[in-house]
PDB file of N, CA and C in Angstrom:
ATOM      1  N   MET A   1       0.855  -1.174   0.000  1.00  0.00           N
ATOM      2  CA  MET A   1       0.000   0.000   0.000  1.00  0.00           C
ATOM      3  C   MET A   1       0.898   1.234   0.000  1.00  0.00           C
ATOM      4  N   ASP A   2       0.616   2.161  -0.902  1.00  0.00           N
ATOM      5  CA  ASP A   2       1.442   3.362  -0.966  1.00  0.00           C
ATOM      6  C   ASP A   2       1.060   4.346   0.141  1.00  0.00           C
ATOM      7  N   ASN A   3       1.868   5.395   0.282  1.00  0.00           N
ATOM      8  CA  ASN A   3       1.668   6.357   1.370  1.00  0.00           C
ATOM      9  C   ASN A   3       0.316   7.056   1.295  1.00  0.00           C
ATOM     10  N   GLN A   4      -0.116   7.426   0.093  1.00  0.00           N
ATOM     11  CA  GLN A   4      -1.393   8.127  -0.056  1.00  0.00           C
ATOM     12  C   GLN A   4      -2.555   7.231   0.374  1.00  0.00           C
ATOM     13  N   ALA A   5      -2.527   5.981  -0.040  1.00  0.00           N
ATOM     14  CA  ALA A   5      -3.582   5.041   0.341  1.00  0.00           C
ATOM     15  C   ALA A   5      -3.548   4.776   1.844  1.00  0.00           C
ATOM     16  N   ALA A   6      -2.348   4.718   2.419  1.00  0.00           N
ATOM     17  CA  ALA A   6      -2.225   4.509   3.861  1.00  0.00           C
ATOM     18  C   ALA A   6      -2.810   5.692   4.627  1.00  0.00           C
ATOM     19  N   LEU A   7      -2.582   6.909   4.130  1.00  0.00           N
ATOM     20  CA  LEU A   7      -3.175   8.084   4.762  1.00  0.00           C
ATOM     21  C   LEU A   7      -4.699   8.025   4.674  1.00  0.00           C
ATOM     22  N   SER A   8      -5.215   7.612   3.541  1.00  0.00           N
ATOM     23  CA  SER A   8      -6.669   7.489   3.379  1.00  0.00           C
ATOM     24  C   SER A   8      -7.236   6.490   4.365  1.00  0.00           C
ATOM     25  N   ARG A   9      -6.565   5.358   4.508  1.00  0.00           N
ATOM     26  CA  ARG A   9      -7.021   4.338   5.451  1.00  0.00           C
ATOM     27  C   ARG A   9      -7.026   4.890   6.875  1.00  0.00           C
ATOM     28  N   THR A  10      -5.996   5.642   7.229  1.00  0.00           N
ATOM     29  CA  THR A  10      -5.922   6.233   8.563  1.00  0.00           C
ATOM     30  C   THR A  10      -7.050   7.230   8.778  1.00  0.00           C
ATOM     31  N   ILE A  11      -7.346   8.050   7.770  1.00  0.00           N
ATOM     32  CA  ILE A  11      -8.451   9.014   7.879  1.00  0.00           C
ATOM     33  C   ILE A  11      -9.756   8.250   8.130  1.00  0.00           C
ATOM     34  N   LEU A  12      -9.994   7.177   7.379  1.00  0.00           N
ATOM     35  CA  LEU A  12     -11.213   6.386   7.551  1.00  0.00           C
ATOM     36  C   LEU A  12     -11.276   5.745   8.936  1.00  0.00           C
ATOM     37  N   ILE A  13     -10.152   5.251   9.420  1.00  0.00           N
ATOM     38  CA  ILE A  13     -10.105   4.651  10.757  1.00  0.00           C
ATOM     39  C   ILE A  13     -10.405   5.704  11.815  1.00  0.00           C
ATOM     40  N   GLN A  14      -9.810   6.888  11.673  1.00  0.00           N
ATOM     41  CA  GLN A  14     -10.057   7.961  12.633  1.00  0.00           C
ATOM     42  C   GLN A  14     -11.508   8.427  12.578  1.00  0.00           C
ATOM     43  N   MET A  15     -12.099   8.428  11.395  1.00  0.00           N
ATOM     44  CA  MET A  15     -13.510   8.780  11.273  1.00  0.00           C
ATOM     45  C   MET A  15     -14.358   7.776  12.053  1.00  0.00           C
ATOM     46  N   ALA A  16     -14.048   6.505  11.917  1.00  0.00           N
ATOM     47  CA  ALA A  16     -14.797   5.470  12.638  1.00  0.00           C
ATOM     48  C   ALA A  16     -14.596   5.603  14.144  1.00  0.00           C
ATOM     49  N   ARG A  17     -13.376   5.866  14.554  1.00  0.00           N
ATOM     50  CA  ARG A  17     -13.080   5.990  15.987  1.00  0.00           C
ATOM     51  C   ARG A  17     -13.802   7.174  16.621  1.00  0.00           C
ATOM     52  N   THR A  18     -13.921   8.264  15.871  1.00  0.00           N
ATOM     53  CA  THR A  18     -14.547   9.467  16.418  1.00  0.00           C
ATOM     54  C   THR A  18     -16.038   9.533  16.122  1.00  0.00           C
ATOM     55  N   GLY A  19     -16.539   8.601  15.298  1.00  0.00           N
ATOM     56  CA  GLY A  19     -17.965   8.577  14.975  1.00  0.00           C
ATOM     57  C   GLY A  19     -18.403   9.718  14.077  1.00  0.00           C
ATOM     58  N   ILE A  20     -17.503  10.174  13.242  1.00  0.00           N
ATOM     59  CA  ILE A  20     -17.787  11.297  12.347  1.00  0.00           C
ATOM     60  C   ILE A  20     -17.965  10.778  10.922  1.00  0.00           C
ATOM     61  N   THR A  21     -18.950  11.315  10.223  1.00  0.00           N
ATOM     62  CA  THR A  21     -19.171  10.921   8.834  1.00  0.00           C
ATOM     63  C   THR A  21     -18.297  11.762   7.908  1.00  0.00           C
ATOM     64  N   GLN A  22     -18.211  11.336   6.672  1.00  0.00           N
ATOM     65  CA  GLN A  22     -17.443  12.089   5.688  1.00  0.00           C
ATOM     66  C   GLN A  22     -18.028  13.488   5.510  1.00  0.00           C
ATOM     67  N   ALA A  23     -19.346  13.583   5.470  1.00  0.00           N
ATOM     68  CA  ALA A  23     -19.999  14.894   5.321  1.00  0.00           C
ATOM     69  C   ALA A  23     -19.696  15.783   6.520  1.00  0.00           C
ATOM     70  N   GLN A  24     -19.744  15.219   7.726  1.00  0.00           N
ATOM     71  CA  GLN A  24     -19.448  16.001   8.921  1.00  0.00           C
ATOM     72  C   GLN A  24     -17.991  16.452   8.941  1.00  0.00           C
ATOM     73  N   LEU A  25     -17.090  15.564   8.561  1.00  0.00           N
ATOM     74  CA  LEU A  25     -15.670  15.906   8.526  1.00  0.00           C
ATOM     75  C   LEU A  25     -15.416  17.030   7.537  1.00  0.00           C
ATOM     76  N   ALA A  26     -15.981  16.915   6.350  1.00  0.00           N
ATOM     77  CA  ALA A  26     -15.800  17.960   5.339  1.00  0.00           C
ATOM     78  C   ALA A  26     -16.323  19.300   5.869  1.00  0.00           C
ATOM     79  N   HIS A  27     -17.496  19.274   6.476  1.00  0.00           N
ATOM     80  CA  HIS A  27     -18.086  20.505   7.001  1.00  0.00           C
ATOM     81  C   HIS A  27     -17.213  21.123   8.092  1.00  0.00           C
ATOM     82  N   LYS A  28     -16.783  20.304   9.049  1.00  0.00           N
ATOM     83  CA  LYS A  28     -15.960  20.804  10.152  1.00  0.00           C
ATOM     84  C   LYS A  28     -14.605  21.318   9.675  1.00  0.00           C
ATOM     85  N   ALA A  29     -14.094  20.726   8.601  1.00  0.00           N
ATOM     86  CA  ALA A  29     -12.800  21.142   8.058  1.00  0.00           C
ATOM     87  C   ALA A  29     -12.932  22.325   7.100  1.00  0.00           C
ATOM     88  N   GLY A  30     -14.169  22.648   6.724  1.00  0.00           N
ATOM     89  CA  GLY A  30     -14.385  23.774   5.822  1.00  0.00           C
ATOM     90  C   GLY A  30     -14.029  23.487   4.375  1.00  0.00           C
ATOM     91  N   ILE A  31     -14.190  22.232   3.976  1.00  0.00           N
ATOM     92  CA  ILE A  31     -13.917  21.855   2.582  1.00  0.00           C
ATOM     93  C   ILE A  31     -15.151  21.153   2.016  1.00  0.00           C
ATOM     94  N   GLY A  32     -15.197  21.025   0.712  1.00  0.00           N
ATOM     95  CA  GLY A  32     -16.311  20.344   0.076  1.00  0.00           C
ATOM     96  C   GLY A  32     -16.237  18.837   0.268  1.00  0.00           C
ATOM     97  N   GLU A  33     -17.402  18.221   0.382  1.00  0.00           N
ATOM     98  CA  GLU A  33     -17.444  16.774   0.546  1.00  0.00           C
ATOM     99  C   GLU A  33     -16.860  16.057  -0.674  1.00  0.00           C
ATOM    100  N   ALA A  34     -17.106  16.597  -1.868  1.00  0.00           N
ATOM    101  CA  ALA A  34     -16.566  15.967  -3.089  1.00  0.00           C
ATOM    102  C   ALA A  34     -15.037  16.006  -3.078  1.00  0.00           C
ATOM    103  N   ARG A  35     -14.474  17.117  -2.613  1.00  0.00           N
ATOM    104  CA  ARG A  35     -13.009  17.218  -2.531  1.00  0.00           C
ATOM    105  C   ARG A  35     -12.462  16.173  -1.572  1.00  0.00           C
ATOM    106  N   LEU A  36     -13.083  16.048  -0.401  1.00  0.00           N
ATOM    107  CA  LEU A  36     -12.637  15.056   0.574  1.00  0.00           C
ATOM    108  C   LEU A  36     -12.753  13.653  -0.008  1.00  0.00           C
ATOM    109  N   SER A  37     -13.841  13.384  -0.693  1.00  0.00           N
ATOM    110  CA  SER A  37     -14.049  12.069  -1.296  1.00  0.00           C
ATOM    111  C   SER A  37     -12.954  11.736  -2.307  1.00  0.00           C
ATOM    112  N   ARG A  38     -12.565  12.713  -3.116  1.00  0.00           N
ATOM    113  CA  ARG A  38     -11.499  12.467  -4.113  1.00  0.00           C
ATOM    114  C   ARG A  38     -10.194  12.077  -3.434  1.00  0.00           C
ATOM    115  N   HIS A  39      -9.916  12.661  -2.286  1.00  0.00           N
ATOM    116  CA  HIS A  39      -8.685  12.310  -1.563  1.00  0.00           C
ATOM    117  C   HIS A  39      -8.819  10.941  -0.895  1.00  0.00           C
ATOM    118  N   ILE A  40      -9.932  10.708  -0.235  1.00  0.00           N
ATOM    119  CA  ILE A  40     -10.128   9.426   0.447  1.00  0.00           C
ATOM    120  C   ILE A  40     -10.089   8.268  -0.545  1.00  0.00           C
ATOM    121  N   ASN A  41     -10.606   8.486  -1.741  1.00  0.00           N
ATOM    122  CA  ASN A  41     -10.627   7.438  -2.766  1.00  0.00           C
ATOM    123  C   ASN A  41      -9.379   7.442  -3.645  1.00  0.00           C
ATOM    124  N   ASN A  42      -8.388   8.202  -3.227  1.00  0.00           N
ATOM    125  CA  ASN A  42      -7.058   8.233  -3.858  1.00  0.00           C
ATOM    126  C   ASN A  42      -7.046   8.739  -5.296  1.00  0.00           C
ATOM    127  N   TYR A  43      -7.991   9.630  -5.618  1.00  0.00           N
ATOM    128  CA  TYR A  43      -7.954  10.292  -6.925  1.00  0.00           C
ATOM    129  C   TYR A  43      -7.072  11.539  -6.870  1.00  0.00           C
ATOM    130  N   ARG A  44      -6.840  12.048  -5.652  1.00  0.00           N
ATOM    131  CA  ARG A  44      -5.990  13.214  -5.432  1.00  0.00           C
ATOM    132  C   ARG A  44      -5.042  12.903  -4.284  1.00  0.00           C
ATOM    133  N   ASP A  45      -3.846  13.471  -4.356  1.00  0.00           N
ATOM    134  CA  ASP A  45      -2.865  13.279  -3.290  1.00  0.00           C
ATOM    135  C   ASP A  45      -3.177  14.175  -2.093  1.00  0.00           C
ATOM    136  N   TRP A  46      -2.881  13.660  -0.919  1.00  0.00           N
ATOM    137  CA  TRP A  46      -3.024  14.437   0.305  1.00  0.00           C
ATOM    138  C   TRP A  46      -1.933  15.496   0.367  1.00  0.00           C
ATOM    139  N   THR A  47      -2.245  16.623   0.957  1.00  0.00           N
ATOM    140  CA  THR A  47      -1.260  17.682   1.179  1.00  0.00           C
ATOM    141  C   THR A  47      -1.211  17.985   2.675  1.00  0.00           C
ATOM    142  N   ILE A  48      -0.118  18.546   3.119  1.00  0.00           N
ATOM    143  CA  ILE A  48       0.026  18.907   4.526  1.00  0.00           C
ATOM    144  C   ILE A  48      -1.056  19.908   4.944  1.00  0.00           C
ATOM    145  N   PRO A  49      -1.314  20.973   4.166  1.00  0.00           N
ATOM    146  CA  PRO A  49      -2.376  21.904   4.580  1.00  0.00           C
ATOM    147  C   PRO A  49      -3.749  21.231   4.715  1.00  0.00           C
ATOM    148  N   LEU A  50      -4.065  20.308   3.824  1.00  0.00           N
ATOM    149  CA  LEU A  50      -5.345  19.617   3.912  1.00  0.00           C
ATOM    150  C   LEU A  50      -5.382  18.707   5.140  1.00  0.00           C
ATOM    151  N   LEU A  51      -4.314  17.970   5.378  1.00  0.00           N
ATOM    152  CA  LEU A  51      -4.253  17.115   6.561  1.00  0.00           C
ATOM    153  C   LEU A  51      -4.357  17.946   7.836  1.00  0.00           C
ATOM    154  N   ASP A  52      -3.768  19.147   7.829  1.00  0.00           N
ATOM    155  CA  ASP A  52      -3.853  20.034   8.989  1.00  0.00           C
ATOM    156  C   ASP A  52      -5.299  20.396   9.328  1.00  0.00           C
ATOM    157  N   VAL A  53      -6.114  20.714   8.318  1.00  0.00           N
ATOM    158  CA  VAL A  53      -7.500  21.117   8.606  1.00  0.00           C
ATOM    159  C   VAL A  53      -8.373  19.921   8.975  1.00  0.00           C
ATOM    160  N   LEU A  54      -7.969  18.721   8.581  1.00  0.00           N
ATOM    161  CA  LEU A  54      -8.730  17.520   8.928  1.00  0.00           C
ATOM    162  C   LEU A  54      -8.373  16.986  10.311  1.00  0.00           C
ATOM    163  N   ALA A  55      -7.183  17.284  10.779  1.00  0.00           N
ATOM    164  CA  ALA A  55      -6.673  16.672  12.011  1.00  0.00           C
ATOM    165  C   ALA A  55      -7.551  16.938  13.222  1.00  0.00           C
ATOM    166  N   GLN A  56      -7.873  18.183  13.484  1.00  0.00           N
ATOM    167  CA  GLN A  56      -8.610  18.501  14.712  1.00  0.00           C
ATOM    168  C   GLN A  56      -9.984  17.836  14.781  1.00  0.00           C
ATOM    169  N   PRO A  57     -10.794  17.874  13.716  1.00  0.00           N
ATOM    170  CA  PRO A  57     -12.080  17.169  13.797  1.00  0.00           C
ATOM    171  C   PRO A  57     -11.927  15.653  13.997  1.00  0.00           C
ATOM    172  N   LEU A  58     -10.751  15.122  13.656  1.00  0.00           N
ATOM    173  CA  LEU A  58     -10.493  13.689  13.841  1.00  0.00           C
ATOM    174  C   LEU A  58      -9.864  13.380  15.197  1.00  0.00           C
ATOM    175  N   GLY A  59      -9.723  14.409  16.034  1.00  0.00           N
ATOM    176  CA  GLY A  59      -9.162  14.198  17.360  1.00  0.00           C
ATOM    177  C   GLY A  59      -7.653  14.170  17.407  1.00  0.00           C
ATOM    178  N   LEU A  60      -7.019  14.691  16.357  1.00  0.00           N
ATOM    179  CA  LEU A  60      -5.566  14.742  16.294  1.00  0.00           C
ATOM    180  C   LEU A  60      -5.121  16.199  16.269  1.00  0.00           C
ATOM    181  N   HIS A  61      -3.851  16.446  16.586  1.00  0.00           N
ATOM    182  CA  HIS A  61      -3.375  17.821  16.724  1.00  0.00           C
ATOM    183  C   HIS A  61      -3.150  18.518  15.378  1.00  0.00           C
ATOM    184  N   ASP A  62      -2.496  17.832  14.463  1.00  0.00           N
ATOM    185  CA  ASP A  62      -2.143  18.444  13.185  1.00  0.00           C
ATOM    186  C   ASP A  62      -1.807  17.344  12.173  1.00  0.00           C
ATOM    187  N   ALA A  63      -1.287  17.750  11.012  1.00  0.00           N
ATOM    188  CA  ALA A  63      -0.939  16.788   9.964  1.00  0.00           C
ATOM    189  C   ALA A  63       0.037  15.732  10.482  1.00  0.00           C
ATOM    190  N   PHE A  64       0.972  16.151  11.322  1.00  0.00           N
ATOM    191  CA  PHE A  64       1.928  15.196  11.874  1.00  0.00           C
ATOM    192  C   PHE A  64       1.207  14.102  12.665  1.00  0.00           C
ATOM    193  N   GLY A  65       0.142  14.458  13.370  1.00  0.00           N
ATOM    194  CA  GLY A  65      -0.638  13.468  14.113  1.00  0.00           C
ATOM    195  C   GLY A  65      -1.247  12.425  13.200  1.00  0.00           C
ATOM    196  N   ILE A  66      -1.698  12.856  12.026  1.00  0.00           N
ATOM    197  CA  ILE A  66      -2.260  11.906  11.051  1.00  0.00           C
ATOM    198  C   ILE A  66      -1.158  11.003  10.507  1.00  0.00           C
ATOM    199  N   VAL A  67      -0.007  11.592  10.192  1.00  0.00           N
ATOM    200  CA  VAL A  67       1.119  10.792   9.684  1.00  0.00           C
ATOM    201  C   VAL A  67       1.591   9.801  10.751  1.00  0.00           C
ATOM    202  N   GLU A  68       1.658  10.257  11.993  1.00  0.00           N
ATOM    203  CA  GLU A  68       2.061   9.373  13.089  1.00  0.00           C
ATOM    204  C   GLU A  68       1.057   8.230  13.267  1.00  0.00           C
ATOM    205  N   ALA A  69      -0.231   8.538  13.192  1.00  0.00           N
ATOM    206  CA  ALA A  69      -1.260   7.495  13.292  1.00  0.00           C
ATOM    207  C   ALA A  69      -1.127   6.502  12.143  1.00  0.00           C
ATOM    208  N   THR A  70      -0.778   6.997  10.961  1.00  0.00           N
ATOM    209  CA  THR A  70      -0.577   6.127   9.798  1.00  0.00           C
ATOM    210  C   THR A  70       0.570   5.157  10.049  1.00  0.00           C
ATOM    211  N   GLN A  71       1.654   5.654  10.614  1.00  0.00           N
ATOM    212  CA  GLN A  71       2.795   4.792  10.914  1.00  0.00           C
ATOM    213  C   GLN A  71       2.422   3.736  11.958  1.00  0.00           C
ATOM    214  N   LYS A  72       1.640   4.112  12.954  1.00  0.00           N
ATOM    215  CA  LYS A  72       1.204   3.156  13.972  1.00  0.00           C
ATOM    216  C   LYS A  72       0.313   2.080  13.357  1.00  0.00           C
ATOM    217  N   GLU A  73      -0.588   2.484  12.453  1.00  0.00           N
ATOM    218  CA  GLU A  73      -1.459   1.513  11.781  1.00  0.00           C
ATOM    219  C   GLU A  73      -0.628   0.545  10.943  1.00  0.00           C
ATOM    220  N   ARG A  74       0.378   1.069  10.234  1.00  0.00           N
ATOM    221  CA  ARG A  74       1.239   0.204   9.423  1.00  0.00           C
ATOM    222  C   ARG A  74       1.986  -0.799  10.294  1.00  0.00           C
ATOM    223  N   THR A  75       2.484  -0.353  11.435  1.00  0.00           N
ATOM    224  CA  THR A  75       3.200  -1.232  12.348  1.00  0.00           C
ATOM    225  C   THR A  75       2.269  -2.323  12.868  1.00  0.00           C
ATOM    226  N   LEU A  76       1.063  -1.944  13.222  1.00  0.00           N
ATOM    227  CA  LEU A  76       0.079  -2.914  13.714  1.00  0.00           C
ATOM    228  C   LEU A  76      -0.252  -3.954  12.650  1.00  0.00           C
ATOM    229  N   VAL A  77      -0.523  -3.496  11.433  1.00  0.00           N
ATOM    230  CA  VAL A  77      -0.853  -4.421  10.339  1.00  0.00           C
ATOM    231  C   VAL A  77       0.319  -5.360  10.063  1.00  0.00           C
ATOM    232  N   SER A  78       1.526  -4.824  10.057  1.00  0.00           N
ATOM    233  CA  SER A  78       2.711  -5.649   9.829  1.00  0.00           C
ATOM    234  C   SER A  78       2.857  -6.702  10.921  1.00  0.00           C
ATOM    235  N   SER A  79       2.619  -6.314  12.158  1.00  0.00           N
ATOM    236  CA  SER A  79       2.718  -7.254  13.278  1.00  0.00           C
ATOM    237  C   SER A  79       1.670  -8.355  13.167  1.00  0.00           C
ATOM    238  N   ILE A  80       0.458  -7.976  12.817  1.00  0.00           N
ATOM    239  CA  ILE A  80      -0.613  -8.963  12.649  1.00  0.00           C
ATOM    240  C   ILE A  80      -0.277  -9.927  11.521  1.00  0.00           C
ATOM    241  N   ASN A  81       0.223  -9.397  10.408  1.00  0.00           N
ATOM    242  CA  ASN A  81       0.585 -10.255   9.280  1.00  0.00           C
ATOM    243  C   ASN A  81       1.700 -11.225   9.657  1.00  0.00           C
ATOM    244  N   THR A  82       2.681 -10.758  10.416  1.00  0.00           N
ATOM    245  CA  THR A  82       3.786 -11.612  10.845  1.00  0.00           C
ATOM    246  C   THR A  82       3.273 -12.724  11.753  1.00  0.00           C
ATOM    247  N   GLN A  83       2.407 -12.357  12.704  1.00  0.00           N
ATOM    248  CA  GLN A  83       1.851 -13.367  13.605  1.00  0.00           C
ATOM    249  C   GLN A  83       1.010 -14.378  12.844  1.00  0.00           C
ATOM    250  N   HIS A  84       0.248 -13.917  11.876  1.00  0.00           N
ATOM    251  CA  HIS A  84      -0.589 -14.811  11.085  1.00  0.00           C
ATOM    252  C   HIS A  84       0.276 -15.808  10.313  1.00  0.00           C
ATOM    253  N   ARG A  85       1.353 -15.310   9.693  1.00  0.00           N
ATOM    254  CA  ARG A  85       2.248 -16.212   8.947  1.00  0.00           C
ATOM    255  C   ARG A  85       2.881 -17.232   9.876  1.00  0.00           C
ATOM    256  N   PHE A  86       3.248 -16.801  11.074  1.00  0.00           N
ATOM    257  CA  PHE A  86       3.858 -17.708  12.049  1.00  0.00           C
ATOM    258  C   PHE A  86       2.860 -18.783  12.483  1.00  0.00           C
ATOM    259  N   LEU A  87       1.625 -18.373  12.741  1.00  0.00           N
ATOM    260  CA  LEU A  87       0.610 -19.324  13.219  1.00  0.00           C
ATOM    261  C   LEU A  87       0.135 -20.280  12.149  1.00  0.00           C
ATOM    262  N   THR A  88       0.217 -19.873  10.875  1.00  0.00           N
ATOM    263  CA  THR A  88      -0.273 -20.741   9.804  1.00  0.00           C
ATOM    264  C   THR A  88       0.834 -21.527   9.126  1.00  0.00           C
ATOM    265  N   ALA A  89       2.073 -21.334   9.585  1.00  0.00           N
ATOM    266  CA  ALA A  89       3.197 -22.043   8.966  1.00  0.00           C
ATOM    267  C   ALA A  89       3.297 -23.467   9.431  1.00  0.00           C
TER     268      ALA A  89
END
C-alpha cells in the first residue's frame, strides 16, 4: 500500500473511531465533501495543509498526528501479518 492510500485508510479509521461521517468531517474542516471524497478514494494526493485542517475534527493535533497514526497503523498491520504467517506455517 502506498503512502497516499495509507493516509486514506488512517483518515477512515479515525472517522470510525470518532464517529464522524465524511460529510461532517468535510463541514468541520471547511472543505467540500466531493473534494474530501477524491482524496479518500485516492484520486488526489493528500497535502500537509489539507491534513492540517482535517486533524482537529479527527481528534488529532495536526498533519503530523495523522502521519504518526498512519505509521502506527502500518506497524500494527505488519505485526498482525507476521503473527498470522507464524501461526499458519
